[in-house]
N, C-alpha and C. Protein backbone atom coordinates (compact mmCIF):
# COMPACT_ATOMS: atom_id res chain seq x y z
N UNK A 1 66.57 103.99 123.50
CA UNK A 1 66.40 105.20 122.66
C UNK A 1 65.06 105.44 122.45
N UNK A 2 64.58 106.58 122.59
CA UNK A 2 63.06 106.91 122.33
C UNK A 2 62.92 107.25 120.98
N UNK A 3 61.50 107.29 120.50
CA UNK A 3 61.27 107.48 119.09
C UNK A 3 61.73 109.00 118.67
N UNK A 4 61.73 109.89 119.62
CA UNK A 4 62.06 111.30 119.16
C UNK A 4 63.54 111.34 118.83
N UNK A 5 64.36 110.67 119.77
CA UNK A 5 65.80 110.64 119.51
C UNK A 5 66.23 110.08 118.17
N UNK A 6 65.49 108.93 117.90
CA UNK A 6 65.71 108.20 116.63
C UNK A 6 65.21 109.03 115.49
N UNK A 7 64.21 109.76 115.49
CA UNK A 7 63.66 110.73 114.41
C UNK A 7 64.66 111.85 114.20
N UNK A 8 65.29 112.36 115.18
CA UNK A 8 66.10 113.47 115.25
C UNK A 8 67.44 113.13 114.51
N UNK A 9 67.90 111.90 114.90
CA UNK A 9 69.18 111.39 114.37
C UNK A 9 68.84 110.99 112.86
N UNK A 10 67.87 110.29 112.51
CA UNK A 10 67.64 109.80 111.11
C UNK A 10 67.29 111.11 110.22
N UNK A 11 66.67 111.97 110.68
CA UNK A 11 66.27 113.29 109.84
C UNK A 11 67.53 114.11 109.69
N UNK A 12 68.33 114.37 110.66
CA UNK A 12 69.54 115.16 110.49
C UNK A 12 70.49 114.20 109.50
N UNK A 13 70.57 112.95 109.76
CA UNK A 13 71.40 112.25 108.81
C UNK A 13 71.02 112.26 107.38
N UNK A 14 69.74 112.37 107.12
CA UNK A 14 69.21 112.36 105.79
C UNK A 14 69.73 113.80 105.07
N UNK A 15 69.84 114.85 105.93
CA UNK A 15 70.37 116.07 105.41
C UNK A 15 71.76 116.11 105.25
N UNK A 16 72.65 115.31 105.98
CA UNK A 16 74.01 115.21 105.81
C UNK A 16 74.39 114.27 104.66
N UNK A 17 73.70 113.14 104.50
CA UNK A 17 74.05 112.08 103.57
C UNK A 17 74.39 112.46 102.26
N UNK A 18 73.75 113.55 101.57
CA UNK A 18 74.02 114.01 100.31
C UNK A 18 75.46 114.62 100.18
N UNK A 19 75.96 114.95 101.19
CA UNK A 19 77.37 115.54 101.06
C UNK A 19 78.38 114.39 100.87
N UNK A 20 77.99 113.22 101.02
CA UNK A 20 78.76 111.94 100.74
C UNK A 20 80.11 111.87 101.51
N UNK A 21 81.07 111.45 100.73
CA UNK A 21 82.29 111.15 101.31
C UNK A 21 82.99 112.43 101.87
N UNK A 22 82.57 113.59 101.29
CA UNK A 22 83.15 114.88 101.88
C UNK A 22 82.99 114.97 103.44
N UNK A 23 81.90 114.44 103.89
CA UNK A 23 81.53 114.43 105.27
C UNK A 23 82.56 113.40 106.02
N UNK A 24 82.65 112.26 105.40
CA UNK A 24 83.65 111.42 105.99
C UNK A 24 85.13 111.84 105.92
N UNK A 25 85.44 112.56 104.86
CA UNK A 25 86.84 113.19 104.97
C UNK A 25 86.92 114.23 106.04
N UNK A 26 85.81 114.97 106.18
CA UNK A 26 85.81 115.95 107.21
C UNK A 26 85.89 115.33 108.64
N UNK A 27 85.19 114.17 108.79
CA UNK A 27 85.32 113.48 110.05
C UNK A 27 86.74 113.13 110.40
N UNK A 28 87.35 112.57 109.37
CA UNK A 28 88.82 112.05 109.63
C UNK A 28 89.71 113.30 109.85
N UNK A 29 89.53 114.26 109.24
CA UNK A 29 90.33 115.43 109.47
C UNK A 29 90.07 116.00 110.90
N UNK A 30 88.92 115.99 111.42
CA UNK A 30 88.73 116.27 112.76
C UNK A 30 89.26 115.31 113.82
N UNK A 31 89.11 114.00 113.40
CA UNK A 31 89.70 112.87 114.23
C UNK A 31 91.16 113.06 114.38
N UNK A 32 91.88 113.18 113.29
CA UNK A 32 93.39 113.42 113.33
C UNK A 32 93.84 114.60 114.01
N UNK A 33 93.04 115.61 113.87
CA UNK A 33 93.43 116.85 114.59
C UNK A 33 93.24 116.68 116.00
N UNK A 34 92.27 116.00 116.38
CA UNK A 34 92.00 115.71 117.83
C UNK A 34 93.11 114.79 118.53
N UNK A 35 93.53 113.80 117.63
CA UNK A 35 94.48 112.86 118.18
C UNK A 35 95.21 112.16 116.98
N UNK A 36 96.37 112.89 116.65
CA UNK A 36 97.24 112.45 115.49
C UNK A 36 97.73 111.02 115.79
N UNK A 37 97.79 110.44 117.01
CA UNK A 37 98.35 109.17 117.21
C UNK A 37 97.30 108.14 116.64
N UNK A 38 96.12 108.51 116.13
CA UNK A 38 95.22 107.47 115.58
C UNK A 38 95.52 107.16 114.10
N UNK A 39 96.20 108.00 113.54
CA UNK A 39 96.53 107.94 112.11
C UNK A 39 97.01 106.46 111.69
N UNK A 40 98.00 105.91 112.47
CA UNK A 40 98.56 104.68 112.09
C UNK A 40 97.48 103.47 112.14
N UNK A 41 96.31 103.77 112.78
CA UNK A 41 95.45 102.60 112.84
C UNK A 41 94.53 102.40 111.52
N UNK A 42 94.74 103.51 110.62
CA UNK A 42 93.94 103.48 109.46
C UNK A 42 94.88 103.25 108.28
N UNK A 43 95.02 101.95 107.82
CA UNK A 43 95.75 101.42 106.79
C UNK A 43 95.06 101.84 105.34
N UNK A 44 95.79 102.18 104.40
CA UNK A 44 95.27 102.46 103.03
C UNK A 44 94.73 103.87 102.88
N UNK A 45 93.98 104.10 101.94
CA UNK A 45 93.40 105.28 101.51
C UNK A 45 92.33 105.77 102.48
N UNK A 46 92.67 106.93 103.10
CA UNK A 46 91.56 107.42 104.10
C UNK A 46 90.39 107.94 103.31
N UNK A 47 90.39 108.27 102.08
CA UNK A 47 89.09 108.75 101.35
C UNK A 47 88.32 107.53 101.15
N UNK A 48 88.88 106.43 100.83
CA UNK A 48 88.16 105.15 100.78
C UNK A 48 87.44 104.76 102.14
N UNK A 49 88.25 104.93 103.14
CA UNK A 49 87.87 104.70 104.48
C UNK A 49 86.65 105.71 104.95
N UNK A 50 86.67 106.89 104.38
CA UNK A 50 85.65 107.80 104.66
C UNK A 50 84.44 107.33 103.99
N UNK A 51 84.47 106.86 102.73
CA UNK A 51 83.31 106.29 102.15
C UNK A 51 82.63 105.22 102.83
N UNK A 52 83.52 104.28 103.39
CA UNK A 52 82.95 103.12 104.14
C UNK A 52 82.43 103.55 105.37
N UNK A 53 82.93 104.63 106.07
CA UNK A 53 82.42 105.18 107.29
C UNK A 53 80.98 105.70 106.95
N UNK A 54 80.81 106.50 106.01
CA UNK A 54 79.44 106.94 105.63
C UNK A 54 78.42 105.90 105.37
N UNK A 55 78.93 104.82 104.66
CA UNK A 55 78.00 103.71 104.46
C UNK A 55 77.59 103.02 105.81
N UNK A 56 78.68 102.77 106.60
CA UNK A 56 78.27 102.24 108.10
C UNK A 56 77.31 103.04 108.77
N UNK A 57 77.65 104.42 108.78
CA UNK A 57 76.68 105.20 109.70
C UNK A 57 75.32 105.09 109.01
N UNK A 58 75.15 105.25 107.78
CA UNK A 58 73.86 105.21 107.04
C UNK A 58 73.17 103.89 107.34
N UNK A 59 73.83 102.76 107.39
CA UNK A 59 73.11 101.54 107.77
C UNK A 59 72.74 101.45 109.17
N UNK A 60 73.65 101.95 110.13
CA UNK A 60 73.37 102.01 111.55
C UNK A 60 72.09 102.92 111.78
N UNK A 61 72.21 104.07 111.15
CA UNK A 61 71.06 105.15 111.50
C UNK A 61 69.79 104.53 110.99
N UNK A 62 69.87 103.82 109.81
CA UNK A 62 68.68 103.32 109.21
C UNK A 62 68.07 102.14 110.16
N UNK A 63 68.88 101.60 110.99
CA UNK A 63 68.45 100.42 111.73
C UNK A 63 68.12 100.73 113.23
N UNK A 64 68.27 101.99 113.58
CA UNK A 64 68.00 102.33 114.85
C UNK A 64 66.79 102.08 115.56
N UNK A 65 65.57 101.70 114.73
CA UNK A 65 64.42 101.31 115.12
C UNK A 65 64.36 99.63 115.17
N UNK A 66 65.40 99.08 114.74
CA UNK A 66 65.50 97.62 114.81
C UNK A 66 66.68 97.05 115.60
N UNK A 67 66.82 97.33 116.77
CA UNK A 67 67.97 97.06 117.48
C UNK A 67 68.27 95.53 117.53
N UNK A 68 67.41 94.84 117.42
CA UNK A 68 67.66 93.17 117.28
C UNK A 68 68.57 92.99 116.12
N UNK A 69 68.33 93.80 115.08
CA UNK A 69 69.22 93.57 113.88
C UNK A 69 70.57 94.41 114.03
N UNK A 70 70.55 95.53 114.60
CA UNK A 70 71.66 96.45 114.63
C UNK A 70 72.77 95.97 115.67
N UNK A 71 72.27 95.43 116.87
CA UNK A 71 73.23 95.20 117.88
C UNK A 71 74.35 94.05 117.48
N UNK A 72 74.01 93.06 116.88
CA UNK A 72 75.02 92.05 116.51
C UNK A 72 75.84 92.59 115.38
N UNK A 73 75.37 93.59 114.47
CA UNK A 73 76.31 94.19 113.62
C UNK A 73 77.28 95.04 114.32
N UNK A 74 76.86 95.86 115.26
CA UNK A 74 77.75 96.68 115.95
C UNK A 74 78.73 95.87 116.73
N UNK A 75 78.39 94.79 117.39
CA UNK A 75 79.28 93.93 118.09
C UNK A 75 80.32 93.38 117.17
N UNK A 76 80.04 92.90 116.02
CA UNK A 76 80.94 92.53 115.09
C UNK A 76 81.98 93.55 114.68
N UNK A 77 81.40 94.80 114.36
CA UNK A 77 82.24 95.90 113.98
C UNK A 77 83.10 96.33 115.10
N UNK A 78 82.60 96.14 116.41
CA UNK A 78 83.55 96.42 117.51
C UNK A 78 84.73 95.47 117.63
N UNK A 79 84.45 94.25 117.29
CA UNK A 79 85.41 93.08 117.46
C UNK A 79 86.37 93.39 116.36
N UNK A 80 86.00 93.84 115.16
CA UNK A 80 87.08 94.21 114.07
C UNK A 80 87.81 95.45 114.52
N UNK A 81 87.21 96.43 115.13
CA UNK A 81 87.91 97.52 115.46
C UNK A 81 88.96 97.16 116.72
N UNK A 82 88.66 96.31 117.52
CA UNK A 82 89.58 95.75 118.55
C UNK A 82 90.76 95.15 117.78
N UNK A 83 90.52 94.49 116.92
CA UNK A 83 91.63 93.87 116.10
C UNK A 83 92.50 94.99 115.31
N UNK A 84 91.99 96.07 115.02
CA UNK A 84 92.80 97.20 114.53
C UNK A 84 93.58 97.98 115.56
N UNK A 85 93.37 97.70 116.74
CA UNK A 85 94.14 98.30 117.73
C UNK A 85 93.24 99.54 118.49
N UNK A 86 91.93 99.52 118.22
CA UNK A 86 91.13 100.53 118.85
C UNK A 86 90.90 100.31 120.23
N UNK A 87 91.21 101.40 121.09
CA UNK A 87 91.03 101.22 122.50
C UNK A 87 89.83 101.95 123.02
N UNK A 88 89.35 101.61 124.15
CA UNK A 88 88.05 102.22 124.80
C UNK A 88 88.14 103.86 124.78
N UNK A 89 89.39 104.38 125.05
CA UNK A 89 89.45 105.74 125.05
C UNK A 89 89.17 106.43 123.68
N UNK A 90 89.50 105.64 122.69
CA UNK A 90 89.29 106.24 121.33
C UNK A 90 87.88 106.51 120.95
N UNK A 91 87.01 105.79 121.55
CA UNK A 91 85.63 106.02 121.33
C UNK A 91 85.20 107.43 121.66
N UNK A 92 85.61 107.96 122.62
CA UNK A 92 85.37 109.45 123.17
C UNK A 92 85.83 110.37 121.97
N UNK A 93 87.07 110.14 121.56
CA UNK A 93 87.62 111.03 120.47
C UNK A 93 86.80 110.94 119.22
N UNK A 94 86.51 109.65 118.91
CA UNK A 94 85.64 109.54 117.74
C UNK A 94 84.22 110.27 117.72
N UNK A 95 83.64 110.06 118.97
CA UNK A 95 82.34 110.79 119.20
C UNK A 95 82.45 112.21 119.10
N UNK A 96 83.57 112.84 119.65
CA UNK A 96 83.77 114.28 119.59
C UNK A 96 83.84 114.66 118.10
N UNK A 97 84.70 113.89 117.30
CA UNK A 97 84.91 114.31 115.94
C UNK A 97 83.64 114.04 115.05
N UNK A 98 82.79 113.15 115.43
CA UNK A 98 81.43 112.90 114.78
C UNK A 98 80.59 114.14 115.05
N UNK A 99 80.52 114.60 116.27
CA UNK A 99 79.60 115.78 116.67
C UNK A 99 80.14 116.97 115.91
N UNK A 100 81.43 117.18 115.89
CA UNK A 100 81.93 118.44 115.23
C UNK A 100 81.68 118.42 113.77
N UNK A 101 81.82 117.15 113.17
CA UNK A 101 81.49 117.06 111.71
C UNK A 101 80.09 117.32 111.43
N UNK A 102 79.20 116.76 112.19
CA UNK A 102 77.77 116.96 112.12
C UNK A 102 77.41 118.39 112.15
N UNK A 103 77.98 119.08 113.24
CA UNK A 103 77.74 120.45 113.51
C UNK A 103 78.11 121.36 112.25
N UNK A 104 79.18 120.97 111.73
CA UNK A 104 79.77 121.72 110.48
C UNK A 104 78.81 121.38 109.33
N UNK A 105 78.42 120.14 109.11
CA UNK A 105 77.57 119.68 107.95
C UNK A 105 76.22 120.22 107.98
N UNK A 106 75.53 120.31 109.19
CA UNK A 106 74.24 120.77 109.33
C UNK A 106 74.14 122.17 109.75
N UNK A 107 75.18 122.86 110.09
CA UNK A 107 75.01 124.29 110.44
C UNK A 107 73.87 124.58 111.37
N UNK A 108 73.13 125.61 111.21
CA UNK A 108 72.11 125.99 112.20
C UNK A 108 70.95 124.89 112.49
N UNK A 109 71.03 123.91 111.68
CA UNK A 109 70.13 122.71 111.85
C UNK A 109 70.56 121.81 112.83
N UNK A 110 71.78 121.93 113.39
CA UNK A 110 72.32 121.15 114.38
C UNK A 110 72.06 121.75 115.76
N UNK A 111 70.79 121.67 116.17
CA UNK A 111 70.19 122.22 117.28
C UNK A 111 70.65 121.46 118.62
N UNK A 112 70.44 122.04 119.73
CA UNK A 112 70.90 121.38 120.87
C UNK A 112 70.18 120.03 121.00
N UNK A 113 69.00 120.03 120.60
CA UNK A 113 68.24 118.61 120.62
C UNK A 113 68.82 117.70 119.84
N UNK A 114 69.21 118.20 118.51
CA UNK A 114 69.84 117.22 117.59
C UNK A 114 71.27 116.71 118.19
N UNK A 115 71.96 117.69 118.77
CA UNK A 115 73.18 117.22 119.31
C UNK A 115 72.93 116.20 120.48
N UNK A 116 72.01 116.45 121.39
CA UNK A 116 71.75 115.59 122.54
C UNK A 116 71.34 114.12 121.90
N UNK A 117 70.48 114.16 120.80
CA UNK A 117 70.20 112.88 120.20
C UNK A 117 71.28 112.08 119.69
N UNK A 118 72.23 112.78 118.87
CA UNK A 118 73.34 112.12 118.46
C UNK A 118 74.36 111.65 119.51
N UNK A 119 74.40 112.36 120.57
CA UNK A 119 75.28 112.07 121.64
C UNK A 119 74.70 110.85 122.19
N UNK A 120 73.32 110.70 122.48
CA UNK A 120 72.77 109.54 123.08
C UNK A 120 72.97 108.33 122.17
N UNK A 121 72.65 108.56 120.90
CA UNK A 121 72.82 107.31 120.02
C UNK A 121 74.14 106.84 119.82
N UNK A 122 75.13 107.91 119.75
CA UNK A 122 76.51 107.34 119.56
C UNK A 122 76.90 106.63 120.96
N UNK A 123 76.57 107.27 122.01
CA UNK A 123 76.87 106.54 123.25
C UNK A 123 76.43 105.14 123.38
N UNK A 124 75.22 104.83 122.92
CA UNK A 124 74.74 103.49 122.88
C UNK A 124 75.57 102.68 121.92
N UNK A 125 75.77 103.11 120.74
CA UNK A 125 76.44 102.37 119.69
C UNK A 125 77.97 102.15 120.23
N UNK A 126 78.45 103.16 120.77
CA UNK A 126 79.94 102.84 121.35
C UNK A 126 79.88 101.88 122.45
N UNK A 127 78.86 101.87 123.32
CA UNK A 127 78.82 100.96 124.28
C UNK A 127 78.65 99.49 123.81
N UNK A 128 77.75 99.35 122.81
CA UNK A 128 77.40 98.10 122.22
C UNK A 128 78.66 97.46 121.40
N UNK A 129 79.39 98.43 120.75
CA UNK A 129 80.71 98.00 120.05
C UNK A 129 81.76 97.63 121.02
N UNK A 130 81.74 98.03 122.29
CA UNK A 130 82.65 97.56 123.28
C UNK A 130 82.29 96.31 124.09
N UNK A 131 81.00 95.83 123.79
CA UNK A 131 80.61 94.76 124.44
C UNK A 131 80.72 93.56 123.58
N UNK A 132 81.44 92.48 123.96
CA UNK A 132 81.65 91.29 123.20
C UNK A 132 80.32 90.60 122.96
N UNK A 133 80.26 90.04 121.65
CA UNK A 133 79.04 89.34 121.39
C UNK A 133 78.94 88.07 122.13
N UNK A 134 77.77 87.56 122.50
CA UNK A 134 77.75 86.33 123.25
C UNK A 134 78.15 85.12 122.39
N UNK A 135 78.96 84.30 123.14
CA UNK A 135 79.49 83.09 122.28
C UNK A 135 78.60 81.88 122.46
């Protein structure tokens, strides 16, 4: 990830973050519209899950410049998701729901460059999450 990509993602995330859990709720709405079969993977209160999602994205976006710190966290997160029943194909659905959510949250600020930056960053994160941590 180059510095411009990181800056675009971090700057756009700072604009979305004040919307808080509403952004997370919107994400899950898009996710379940795209693939209703994913609903059973989420136990408990989806609103609480939305809050956790926003926190996780905030941490990850904040650490984009420190991959040595971020990669092990993402690998652990990926291992947990594997235990929840997440499959490789689900990552594409999640990525599409994330982009749709960001597009709605940012409006005209979600430029083609910002979309490309988020697509690149999400792709790296999804790849890392699907790569087992070294033992």
